[in-house]
N, C-alpha and C. Protein backbone atom coordinates (compact mmCIF):
# COMPACT_ATOMS: atom_id res chain seq x y z
N MET A 1 -20.59 23.73 -23.30
CA MET A 1 -20.03 24.06 -21.77
C MET A 1 -21.07 23.19 -20.83
N VAL A 2 -20.24 22.34 -19.85
CA VAL A 2 -20.96 21.42 -18.90
C VAL A 2 -21.11 22.18 -17.60
N ASN A 3 -22.14 22.24 -17.16
CA ASN A 3 -22.12 22.89 -15.71
C ASN A 3 -21.92 21.82 -14.80
N ALA A 4 -21.63 22.22 -13.61
CA ALA A 4 -21.28 21.39 -12.46
C ALA A 4 -22.53 20.38 -12.21
N ALA A 5 -23.62 20.88 -12.23
CA ALA A 5 -24.94 20.05 -11.95
C ALA A 5 -25.02 18.76 -13.12
N GLN A 6 -24.45 18.98 -14.15
CA GLN A 6 -24.55 18.09 -15.13
C GLN A 6 -23.44 17.06 -15.10
N ALA A 7 -22.38 17.28 -14.50
CA ALA A 7 -21.16 16.51 -14.44
C ALA A 7 -21.30 15.15 -13.72
N GLY A 8 -20.80 14.22 -13.79
CA GLY A 8 -20.91 12.95 -13.01
C GLY A 8 -20.29 13.07 -11.81
N PRO A 9 -20.57 12.27 -10.86
CA PRO A 9 -19.83 12.24 -9.61
C PRO A 9 -18.29 12.10 -9.67
N LYS A 10 -17.75 12.88 -8.85
CA LYS A 10 -16.25 12.79 -9.00
C LYS A 10 -15.72 11.65 -8.18
N THR A 11 -14.91 10.82 -8.85
CA THR A 11 -14.07 9.75 -7.94
C THR A 11 -12.92 10.56 -7.23
N PRO A 12 -12.81 9.93 -5.83
CA PRO A 12 -11.73 10.48 -5.12
C PRO A 12 -10.35 10.13 -5.90
N PRO A 13 -9.37 11.09 -5.73
CA PRO A 13 -8.15 10.67 -6.41
C PRO A 13 -7.40 9.52 -5.84
N LYS A 14 -6.76 8.83 -6.59
CA LYS A 14 -5.92 7.58 -5.98
C LYS A 14 -4.69 8.22 -5.47
N ARG A 15 -4.56 7.51 -4.27
CA ARG A 15 -3.21 7.98 -3.54
C ARG A 15 -2.06 7.35 -4.45
N PRO A 16 -0.97 8.13 -4.44
CA PRO A 16 0.18 7.61 -5.24
C PRO A 16 0.83 6.34 -4.88
N GLN A 17 1.24 5.50 -5.70
CA GLN A 17 1.63 4.28 -5.21
C GLN A 17 2.98 4.35 -4.51
N ARG A 18 3.05 3.89 -3.46
CA ARG A 18 4.29 3.97 -2.62
C ARG A 18 5.17 2.51 -2.70
N ILE A 19 6.42 2.66 -2.80
CA ILE A 19 7.22 1.45 -2.88
C ILE A 19 7.98 1.41 -1.71
N TYR A 20 8.23 0.33 -0.93
CA TYR A 20 9.10 0.22 0.14
C TYR A 20 10.14 -1.00 -0.22
N VAL A 21 11.41 -0.67 0.16
CA VAL A 21 12.41 -1.66 -0.35
C VAL A 21 12.78 -2.37 1.04
N VAL A 22 12.61 -3.48 1.23
CA VAL A 22 12.83 -4.48 2.55
C VAL A 22 14.19 -4.17 3.00
N GLN A 23 14.49 -3.86 4.31
CA GLN A 23 15.61 -3.67 4.89
C GLN A 23 15.89 -4.91 5.88
N SER A 24 17.07 -4.98 6.25
CA SER A 24 17.44 -6.09 7.30
C SER A 24 16.57 -6.00 8.38
N SER A 25 16.18 -7.24 8.92
CA SER A 25 15.46 -7.43 9.99
C SER A 25 14.03 -6.90 9.94
N ASP A 26 13.48 -6.35 8.71
CA ASP A 26 11.99 -5.99 8.54
C ASP A 26 11.24 -7.31 8.42
N ASN A 27 10.06 -7.04 8.73
CA ASN A 27 8.77 -8.15 8.62
C ASN A 27 7.63 -6.99 8.30
N LEU A 28 6.47 -7.74 7.80
CA LEU A 28 5.47 -6.95 7.26
C LEU A 28 4.74 -6.18 8.35
N THR A 29 4.79 -6.54 9.82
CA THR A 29 4.32 -5.78 10.90
C THR A 29 5.12 -4.58 11.01
N SER A 30 6.39 -4.66 10.90
CA SER A 30 7.39 -3.50 11.09
C SER A 30 7.21 -2.46 10.11
N ILE A 31 6.97 -3.02 8.99
CA ILE A 31 6.89 -2.06 7.91
C ILE A 31 5.65 -1.50 7.82
N ALA A 32 4.53 -2.11 8.16
CA ALA A 32 3.31 -1.41 8.33
C ALA A 32 3.16 -0.23 9.38
N ARG A 33 3.77 -0.40 10.28
CA ARG A 33 3.91 0.66 11.54
C ARG A 33 4.81 1.76 11.09
N LEU A 34 5.37 1.75 10.05
CA LEU A 34 6.24 2.87 9.54
C LEU A 34 5.41 3.93 8.96
N PHE A 35 4.16 3.46 8.65
CA PHE A 35 3.29 4.36 7.88
C PHE A 35 2.06 4.74 8.91
N ASP A 36 1.82 6.13 9.06
CA ASP A 36 0.75 6.40 9.80
C ASP A 36 -0.58 6.52 9.17
N ASP A 37 -0.85 5.25 9.04
CA ASP A 37 -2.23 5.01 8.15
C ASP A 37 -2.88 3.79 8.72
N PRO A 38 -3.97 3.89 9.49
CA PRO A 38 -4.62 2.77 10.05
C PRO A 38 -4.95 1.67 8.88
N ASN A 39 -5.06 1.98 7.77
CA ASN A 39 -5.45 1.10 6.67
C ASN A 39 -4.14 0.36 6.37
N ILE A 40 -3.34 0.63 6.43
CA ILE A 40 -1.90 -0.07 6.26
C ILE A 40 -1.66 -1.18 7.28
N THR A 41 -1.81 -2.30 7.02
CA THR A 41 -1.53 -3.41 8.02
C THR A 41 -0.58 -4.34 7.30
N TRP A 42 -0.08 -5.48 8.02
CA TRP A 42 0.73 -6.34 7.41
C TRP A 42 -0.12 -7.22 6.30
N GLN A 43 -1.32 -7.48 6.72
CA GLN A 43 -2.26 -8.10 5.89
C GLN A 43 -2.50 -7.42 4.54
N SER A 44 -2.62 -6.17 4.56
CA SER A 44 -2.91 -5.29 3.37
C SER A 44 -1.81 -5.40 2.51
N ILE A 45 -0.52 -5.30 3.05
CA ILE A 45 0.70 -5.30 2.31
C ILE A 45 0.89 -6.81 1.73
N ALA A 46 0.59 -7.83 2.55
CA ALA A 46 0.67 -9.01 1.92
C ALA A 46 -0.31 -9.36 0.83
N HIS A 47 -1.59 -8.74 0.85
CA HIS A 47 -2.54 -8.89 -0.12
C HIS A 47 -2.18 -8.10 -1.56
N VAL A 48 -1.86 -6.85 -1.34
CA VAL A 48 -1.42 -6.03 -2.45
C VAL A 48 -0.35 -6.72 -3.35
N ASN A 49 0.74 -7.23 -2.49
CA ASN A 49 1.81 -7.71 -3.18
C ASN A 49 1.72 -9.34 -3.42
N HIS A 50 0.67 -10.02 -3.32
CA HIS A 50 0.29 -11.39 -3.65
C HIS A 50 1.25 -12.28 -2.95
N LEU A 51 1.48 -11.91 -1.71
CA LEU A 51 2.39 -12.69 -0.96
C LEU A 51 1.75 -14.01 -0.29
N PRO A 52 2.00 -15.26 -0.73
CA PRO A 52 1.43 -16.54 -0.09
C PRO A 52 1.73 -16.75 1.40
N ASP A 53 2.95 -16.17 1.67
CA ASP A 53 3.39 -16.39 2.97
C ASP A 53 3.91 -15.13 3.51
N ALA A 54 3.36 -14.42 4.43
CA ALA A 54 3.92 -13.30 4.88
C ALA A 54 5.23 -13.27 5.56
N ASN A 55 5.94 -14.38 5.75
CA ASN A 55 7.16 -14.44 6.49
C ASN A 55 8.16 -14.58 5.29
N MET A 56 7.81 -14.51 3.94
CA MET A 56 8.68 -14.87 3.04
C MET A 56 9.12 -13.48 2.18
N ILE A 57 9.73 -12.53 3.01
CA ILE A 57 10.15 -11.30 2.23
C ILE A 57 11.45 -11.35 2.35
N HIS A 58 12.23 -10.85 1.55
CA HIS A 58 13.71 -10.96 1.55
C HIS A 58 14.27 -9.33 1.47
N LEU A 59 15.46 -9.19 2.08
CA LEU A 59 16.34 -8.17 1.80
C LEU A 59 16.17 -7.51 0.42
N GLY A 60 15.92 -6.24 0.19
CA GLY A 60 15.97 -5.85 -1.27
C GLY A 60 14.58 -5.95 -1.95
N ASP A 61 13.81 -6.89 -1.46
CA ASP A 61 12.39 -6.94 -2.06
C ASP A 61 11.80 -5.56 -2.14
N LYS A 62 10.99 -5.25 -3.14
CA LYS A 62 10.17 -3.93 -3.49
C LYS A 62 8.85 -4.31 -3.25
N LEU A 63 8.13 -3.82 -2.02
CA LEU A 63 6.80 -3.89 -1.80
C LEU A 63 5.87 -2.72 -2.07
N VAL A 64 4.79 -2.91 -2.68
CA VAL A 64 3.79 -1.92 -2.92
C VAL A 64 3.16 -1.69 -1.38
N ILE A 65 2.97 -0.45 -1.07
CA ILE A 65 2.45 -0.06 0.18
C ILE A 65 1.10 0.74 -0.23
N ALA A 66 -0.06 -0.09 0.26
CA ALA A 66 -1.48 0.39 -0.19
C ALA A 66 -2.41 0.11 0.90
């Protein structure tokens, strides 16, 4: 039996991965504003989705939100 003092440090649980499907007239800034999280920015969405040009999203694209 392992007691709590011997256990290694706990890592924080990962947030569930969220997927957003791009709608008509969306841009990364408007998508970021939909989430009540200051860590979600148009830059973070572009980075996580490996978007070389933040203006090149299309209707129906599935974006990971992190």
